[in-house]
Structures are given as C-alpha cells and as structure tokens.
C-alpha cells in the first residue's frame, strides 16, 4: 500500500470515521483543513508512531509537519525505509 493511502487510513481511523476519503482528497496537501480535534490528532500521531515504528517529538509537531501531507510523507520517508 502506498504511504499516502496508509496515512489516509490512519486519519480516518483516528477521526472515528468522521473524515472520509473524499474529505481527504478534497483537502489535498492541507491536513490542517480537516479540522481534527486534539484527541484525534494525538491518536493520529500514536497511529503513525506504531505503524512506522518511529517517534514524533514535539519539535516536529510544532514545525507544521503534521499540517501538510507532503511534509509528513517526507518526514516518514527520512525516518524509515518506506
């Protein structure tokens, strides 16, 4: 499965299904526009850490990496061999 599709799935799971694949496609690169609440964001981070066996520190969260699909993909690729 492509990394983008994995992240789409993790976002949908972390939002308890409130965000659809159509919502994700409309948002494009702008993950911030999805309006995830704080609990969903934390859940999303935990899912990413578990799925890719990486740790996301607070500096990365503050840098806006989690607001952009392309930045998040690049970050994960640098931390893994995906």
C-alpha atoms as a PDB file:
ATOM      1  CA  UNK A   1       0.000   0.000   0.000  1.00  0.00           C
ATOM      2  CA  UNK A   2       1.257   3.470  -0.870  1.00  0.00           C
ATOM      3  CA  UNK A   3       2.333   5.682   2.045  1.00  0.00           C
ATOM      4  CA  UNK A   4      -0.323   8.279   1.200  1.00  0.00           C
ATOM      5  CA  UNK A   5      -3.043   5.624   1.359  1.00  0.00           C
ATOM      6  CA  UNK A   6      -1.743   4.357   4.703  1.00  0.00           C
ATOM      7  CA  UNK A   7      -1.872   7.890   6.109  1.00  0.00           C
ATOM      8  CA  UNK A   8      -5.391   8.361   4.734  1.00  0.00           C
ATOM      9  CA  UNK A   9      -6.443   5.191   6.529  1.00  0.00           C
ATOM     10  CA  UNK A  10      -4.806   6.309   9.784  1.00  0.00           C
ATOM     11  CA  UNK A  11      -6.538   9.698   9.607  1.00  0.00           C
ATOM     12  CA  UNK A  12      -9.895   8.048   9.014  1.00  0.00           C
ATOM     13  CA  UNK A  13      -9.336   5.699  11.962  1.00  0.00           C
ATOM     14  CA  UNK A  14      -8.148   8.473  14.267  1.00  0.00           C
ATOM     15  CA  UNK A  15     -11.247  10.543  13.444  1.00  0.00           C
ATOM     16  CA  UNK A  16     -13.520   7.568  14.214  1.00  0.00           C
ATOM     17  CA  UNK A  17     -14.651   7.614  10.602  1.00  0.00           C
ATOM     18  CA  UNK A  18     -15.829  11.236  10.656  1.00  0.00           C
ATOM     19  CA  UNK A  19     -13.367  12.101   7.891  1.00  0.00           C
ATOM     20  CA  UNK A  20     -13.993  10.282   4.631  1.00  0.00           C
ATOM     21  CA  UNK A  21     -11.614   9.504   1.800  1.00  0.00           C
ATOM     22  CA  UNK A  22     -13.461  12.173  -0.186  1.00  0.00           C
ATOM     23  CA  UNK A  23     -12.704  14.717   2.580  1.00  0.00           C
ATOM     24  CA  UNK A  24      -9.043  13.725   2.420  1.00  0.00           C
ATOM     25  CA  UNK A  25      -8.902  14.056  -1.352  1.00  0.00           C
ATOM     26  CA  UNK A  26     -10.557  17.494  -1.196  1.00  0.00           C
ATOM     27  CA  UNK A  27      -8.094  18.648   1.467  1.00  0.00           C
ATOM     28  CA  UNK A  28      -5.180  17.757  -0.794  1.00  0.00           C
ATOM     29  CA  UNK A  29      -1.914  18.577   0.959  1.00  0.00           C
ATOM     30  CA  UNK A  30      -3.588  20.653   3.695  1.00  0.00           C
ATOM     31  CA  UNK A  31      -4.221  18.250   6.565  1.00  0.00           C
ATOM     32  CA  UNK A  32      -4.927  21.153   8.907  1.00  0.00           C
ATOM     33  CA  UNK A  33      -8.100  21.946   6.955  1.00  0.00           C
ATOM     34  CA  UNK A  34      -9.568  18.595   8.027  1.00  0.00           C
ATOM     35  CA  UNK A  35     -10.248  20.055  11.460  1.00  0.00           C
ATOM     36  CA  UNK A  36      -9.096  17.110  13.551  1.00  0.00           C
ATOM     37  CA  UNK A  37      -9.764  17.746  17.227  1.00  0.00           C
ATOM     38  CA  UNK A  38      -6.935  17.427  19.735  1.00  0.00           C
ATOM     39  CA  UNK A  39      -7.789  13.843  20.688  1.00  0.00           C
ATOM     40  CA  UNK A  40      -7.878  12.781  17.030  1.00  0.00           C
ATOM     41  CA  UNK A  41      -4.512  14.491  16.425  1.00  0.00           C
ATOM     42  CA  UNK A  42      -2.919  12.662  19.346  1.00  0.00           C
ATOM     43  CA  UNK A  43      -4.448   9.393  18.173  1.00  0.00           C
ATOM     44  CA  UNK A  44      -3.144  10.055  14.644  1.00  0.00           C
ATOM     45  CA  UNK A  45       0.362  10.651  15.995  1.00  0.00           C
ATOM     46  CA  UNK A  46       0.236   7.435  18.020  1.00  0.00           C
ATOM     47  CA  UNK A  47      -1.006   5.507  14.978  1.00  0.00           C
ATOM     48  CA  UNK A  48       1.866   6.901  12.867  1.00  0.00           C
ATOM     49  CA  UNK A  49       4.411   6.013  15.534  1.00  0.00           C
ATOM     50  CA  UNK A  50       3.073   2.480  15.806  1.00  0.00           C
ATOM     51  CA  UNK A  51       2.626   1.900  12.060  1.00  0.00           C
ATOM     52  CA  UNK A  52       6.114   3.089  11.110  1.00  0.00           C
ATOM     53  CA  UNK A  53       7.963   2.343  14.356  1.00  0.00           C
ATOM     54  CA  UNK A  54       9.151   5.931  14.738  1.00  0.00           C
ATOM     55  CA  UNK A  55       8.927   8.601  17.431  1.00  0.00           C
ATOM     56  CA  UNK A  56       7.488  12.011  16.612  1.00  0.00           C
ATOM     57  CA  UNK A  57       8.835  14.610  19.012  1.00  0.00           C
ATOM     58  CA  UNK A  58       7.290  17.950  19.941  1.00  0.00           C
ATOM     59  CA  UNK A  59       9.688  19.888  17.670  1.00  0.00           C
ATOM     60  CA  UNK A  60       8.265  18.081  14.653  1.00  0.00           C
ATOM     61  CA  UNK A  61       4.711  18.746  15.780  1.00  0.00           C
ATOM     62  CA  UNK A  62       5.481  22.455  16.272  1.00  0.00           C
ATOM     63  CA  UNK A  63       7.139  22.720  12.858  1.00  0.00           C
ATOM     64  CA  UNK A  64       3.897  22.093  10.977  1.00  0.00           C
ATOM     65  CA  UNK A  65       4.896  18.729   9.539  1.00  0.00           C
ATOM     66  CA  UNK A  66       1.577  17.277  10.663  1.00  0.00           C
ATOM     67  CA  UNK A  67      -0.333  20.024   8.814  1.00  0.00           C
ATOM     68  CA  UNK A  68       0.941  19.010   5.378  1.00  0.00           C
ATOM     69  CA  UNK A  69       0.572  15.604   3.755  1.00  0.00           C
ATOM     70  CA  UNK A  70       3.682  16.062   1.613  1.00  0.00           C
ATOM     71  CA  UNK A  71       5.791  17.196   4.591  1.00  0.00           C
ATOM     72  CA  UNK A  72       4.538  14.294   6.667  1.00  0.00           C
ATOM     73  CA  UNK A  73       5.327  11.798   3.904  1.00  0.00           C
ATOM     74  CA  UNK A  74       8.835  13.252   3.527  1.00  0.00           C
ATOM     75  CA  UNK A  75       9.382  13.092   7.281  1.00  0.00           C
ATOM     76  CA  UNK A  76       8.283   9.463   7.486  1.00  0.00           C
ATOM     77  CA  UNK A  77      10.439   8.538   4.485  1.00  0.00           C
ATOM     78  CA  UNK A  78      13.509  10.053   6.156  1.00  0.00           C
ATOM     79  CA  UNK A  79      12.799   8.105   9.356  1.00  0.00           C
ATOM     80  CA  UNK A  80      12.067   4.772   7.642  1.00  0.00           C
ATOM     81  CA  UNK A  81      12.909   2.873   4.531  1.00  0.00           C
ATOM     82  CA  UNK A  82       9.324   3.196   3.207  1.00  0.00           C
END
